[in-house]
Amino acid sequence: MEEEKGKIESIREWIVEHKLRTVGTLWASGILGSLAYNWSQPNMKTSVKIIHARLHAQALTLAALAGAAIVEYYDHKSGAKAERVVKLLDIDEHRPKN
């Protein structure tokens, strides 16, 4: 149970650190998944399939951005973001200056 919690926590931390990459990946997978689904529908014109794929990907992107905003809000409330900033500042202080 604790190992699973650690894995979930490490995934959450990666997502927090790479928000834009996560949203971009979700957008690309949304477009590809929607195109694959729409291409299996024989009654639609190609332009309609592409428009539907774009709309589905936009909805998925908005959901991902809302999720990132919620994570950011809870990190701010819990103080986790402040701890990360302090950790980054400590690393920069020990780095040799050129």
C-alpha atoms as a PDB file:
ATOM      1  CA  MET A   1       0.000   0.000   0.000  1.00  0.00           C
ATOM      2  CA  GLU A   2       2.767   2.431   0.933  1.00  0.00           C
ATOM      3  CA  GLU A   3       4.768   1.569  -2.195  1.00  0.00           C
ATOM      4  CA  GLU A   4       1.705   2.358  -4.319  1.00  0.00           C
ATOM      5  CA  LYS A   5       1.225   5.647  -2.475  1.00  0.00           C
ATOM      6  CA  GLY A   6       4.862   6.538  -3.147  1.00  0.00           C
ATOM      7  CA  LYS A   7       4.441   5.771  -6.830  1.00  0.00           C
ATOM      8  CA  ILE A   8       1.297   7.898  -7.059  1.00  0.00           C
ATOM      9  CA  GLU A   9       3.045  10.715  -5.198  1.00  0.00           C
ATOM     10  CA  SER A  10       6.031  10.584  -7.569  1.00  0.00           C
ATOM     11  CA  ILE A  11       3.682  10.712 -10.580  1.00  0.00           C
ATOM     12  CA  ARG A  12       1.869  13.699  -9.048  1.00  0.00           C
ATOM     13  CA  GLU A  13       5.182  15.479  -8.448  1.00  0.00           C
ATOM     14  CA  TRP A  14       6.265  14.863 -12.053  1.00  0.00           C
ATOM     15  CA  ILE A  15       2.967  16.276 -13.326  1.00  0.00           C
ATOM     16  CA  VAL A  16       3.319  19.336 -11.080  1.00  0.00           C
ATOM     17  CA  GLU A  17       6.855  19.953 -12.385  1.00  0.00           C
ATOM     18  CA  HIS A  18       5.901  19.393 -16.070  1.00  0.00           C
ATOM     19  CA  LYS A  19       2.434  20.928 -16.386  1.00  0.00           C
ATOM     20  CA  LEU A  20       2.792  22.194 -19.951  1.00  0.00           C
ATOM     21  CA  ARG A  21       4.287  18.924 -21.186  1.00  0.00           C
ATOM     22  CA  THR A  22       1.422  17.035 -19.538  1.00  0.00           C
ATOM     23  CA  VAL A  23      -1.233  19.271 -21.100  1.00  0.00           C
ATOM     24  CA  GLY A  24       0.467  19.050 -24.517  1.00  0.00           C
ATOM     25  CA  THR A  25       0.625  15.280 -24.313  1.00  0.00           C
ATOM     26  CA  LEU A  26      -3.038  15.099 -23.353  1.00  0.00           C
ATOM     27  CA  TRP A  27      -3.921  17.388 -26.255  1.00  0.00           C
ATOM     28  CA  ALA A  28      -1.962  15.309 -28.771  1.00  0.00           C
ATOM     29  CA  SER A  29      -3.395  12.038 -27.483  1.00  0.00           C
ATOM     30  CA  GLY A  30      -6.881  13.589 -27.558  1.00  0.00           C
ATOM     31  CA  ILE A  31      -6.477  14.617 -31.192  1.00  0.00           C
ATOM     32  CA  LEU A  32      -5.100  11.208 -32.210  1.00  0.00           C
ATOM     33  CA  GLY A  33      -7.732   9.264 -30.273  1.00  0.00           C
ATOM     34  CA  SER A  34     -10.556  11.381 -31.617  1.00  0.00           C
ATOM     35  CA  LEU A  35      -9.254  11.134 -35.187  1.00  0.00           C
ATOM     36  CA  ALA A  36      -9.001   7.357 -34.832  1.00  0.00           C
ATOM     37  CA  TYR A  37     -12.563   7.170 -33.524  1.00  0.00           C
ATOM     38  CA  ASN A  38     -13.977   9.560 -36.127  1.00  0.00           C
ATOM     39  CA  TRP A  39     -12.229   7.735 -38.978  1.00  0.00           C
ATOM     40  CA  SER A  40     -14.142   4.602 -38.005  1.00  0.00           C
ATOM     41  CA  GLN A  41     -17.413   6.460 -38.684  1.00  0.00           C
ATOM     42  CA  PRO A  42     -18.113   6.002 -42.421  1.00  0.00           C
ATOM     43  CA  ASN A  43     -21.020   8.478 -42.663  1.00  0.00           C
ATOM     44  CA  MET A  44     -18.992  11.660 -41.973  1.00  0.00           C
ATOM     45  CA  LYS A  45     -17.110  13.922 -44.351  1.00  0.00           C
ATOM     46  CA  THR A  46     -13.373  14.285 -43.724  1.00  0.00           C
ATOM     47  CA  SER A  47     -13.715  17.960 -42.752  1.00  0.00           C
ATOM     48  CA  VAL A  48     -16.319  17.078 -40.102  1.00  0.00           C
ATOM     49  CA  LYS A  49     -14.058  14.339 -38.717  1.00  0.00           C
ATOM     50  CA  ILE A  50     -11.182  16.811 -38.343  1.00  0.00           C
ATOM     51  CA  ILE A  51     -13.420  19.452 -36.741  1.00  0.00           C
ATOM     52  CA  HIS A  52     -14.769  16.913 -34.238  1.00  0.00           C
ATOM     53  CA  ALA A  53     -11.247  15.748 -33.393  1.00  0.00           C
ATOM     54  CA  ARG A  54     -10.168  19.356 -32.753  1.00  0.00           C
ATOM     55  CA  LEU A  55     -13.191  20.036 -30.553  1.00  0.00           C
ATOM     56  CA  HIS A  56     -12.624  16.876 -28.502  1.00  0.00           C
ATOM     57  CA  ALA A  57      -8.951  17.760 -28.030  1.00  0.00           C
ATOM     58  CA  GLN A  58      -9.865  21.292 -26.935  1.00  0.00           C
ATOM     59  CA  ALA A  59     -12.307  19.948 -24.352  1.00  0.00           C
ATOM     60  CA  LEU A  60      -9.654  17.542 -23.054  1.00  0.00           C
ATOM     61  CA  THR A  61      -7.123  20.399 -22.892  1.00  0.00           C
ATOM     62  CA  LEU A  62      -9.528  22.584 -20.915  1.00  0.00           C
ATOM     63  CA  ALA A  63     -10.100  19.723 -18.494  1.00  0.00           C
ATOM     64  CA  ALA A  64      -6.327  19.225 -18.132  1.00  0.00           C
ATOM     65  CA  LEU A  65      -5.789  22.940 -17.514  1.00  0.00           C
ATOM     66  CA  ALA A  66      -8.561  22.942 -14.914  1.00  0.00           C
ATOM     67  CA  GLY A  67      -6.918  19.935 -13.256  1.00  0.00           C
ATOM     68  CA  ALA A  68      -3.538  21.708 -13.275  1.00  0.00           C
ATOM     69  CA  ALA A  69      -5.168  24.771 -11.709  1.00  0.00           C
ATOM     70  CA  ILE A  70      -6.675  22.619  -8.954  1.00  0.00           C
ATOM     71  CA  VAL A  71      -3.316  20.960  -8.264  1.00  0.00           C
ATOM     72  CA  GLU A  72      -1.651  24.384  -8.175  1.00  0.00           C
ATOM     73  CA  TYR A  73      -4.318  25.695  -5.786  1.00  0.00           C
ATOM     74  CA  TYR A  74      -3.899  22.781  -3.371  1.00  0.00           C
ATOM     75  CA  ASP A  75      -0.098  23.013  -3.573  1.00  0.00           C
ATOM     76  CA  HIS A  76      -0.361  26.705  -2.714  1.00  0.00           C
ATOM     77  CA  LYS A  77      -2.774  26.039   0.158  1.00  0.00           C
ATOM     78  CA  SER A  78      -0.747  23.166   1.615  1.00  0.00           C
ATOM     79  CA  GLY A  79       2.575  24.979   1.340  1.00  0.00           C
ATOM     80  CA  ALA A  80       4.098  22.320  -0.924  1.00  0.00           C
ATOM     81  CA  LYS A  81       4.876  24.902  -3.582  1.00  0.00           C
ATOM     82  CA  ALA A  82       6.701  27.101  -1.071  1.00  0.00           C
ATOM     83  CA  GLU A  83       8.777  24.100   0.020  1.00  0.00           C
ATOM     84  CA  ARG A  84       9.775  23.424  -3.614  1.00  0.00           C
ATOM     85  CA  VAL A  85      10.802  27.055  -4.085  1.00  0.00           C
ATOM     86  CA  VAL A  86      12.954  26.962  -0.954  1.00  0.00           C
ATOM     87  CA  LYS A  87      14.549  23.729  -2.136  1.00  0.00           C
ATOM     88  CA  LEU A  88      15.334  25.306  -5.515  1.00  0.00           C
ATOM     89  CA  LEU A  89      16.804  28.394  -3.862  1.00  0.00           C
ATOM     90  CA  ASP A  90      19.023  26.234  -1.647  1.00  0.00           C
ATOM     91  CA  ILE A  91      20.363  24.428  -4.707  1.00  0.00           C
ATOM     92  CA  ASP A  92      21.123  27.742  -6.458  1.00  0.00           C
ATOM     93  CA  GLU A  93      23.001  29.081  -3.391  1.00  0.00           C
ATOM     94  CA  HIS A  94      25.412  26.117  -3.385  1.00  0.00           C
ATOM     95  CA  ARG A  95      26.121  26.313  -7.098  1.00  0.00           C
ATOM     96  CA  PRO A  96      29.559  27.821  -7.926  1.00  0.00           C
ATOM     97  CA  LYS A  97      29.379  31.265  -9.522  1.00  0.00           C
ATOM     98  CA  ASN A  98      31.195  31.874 -12.802  1.00  0.00           C
END
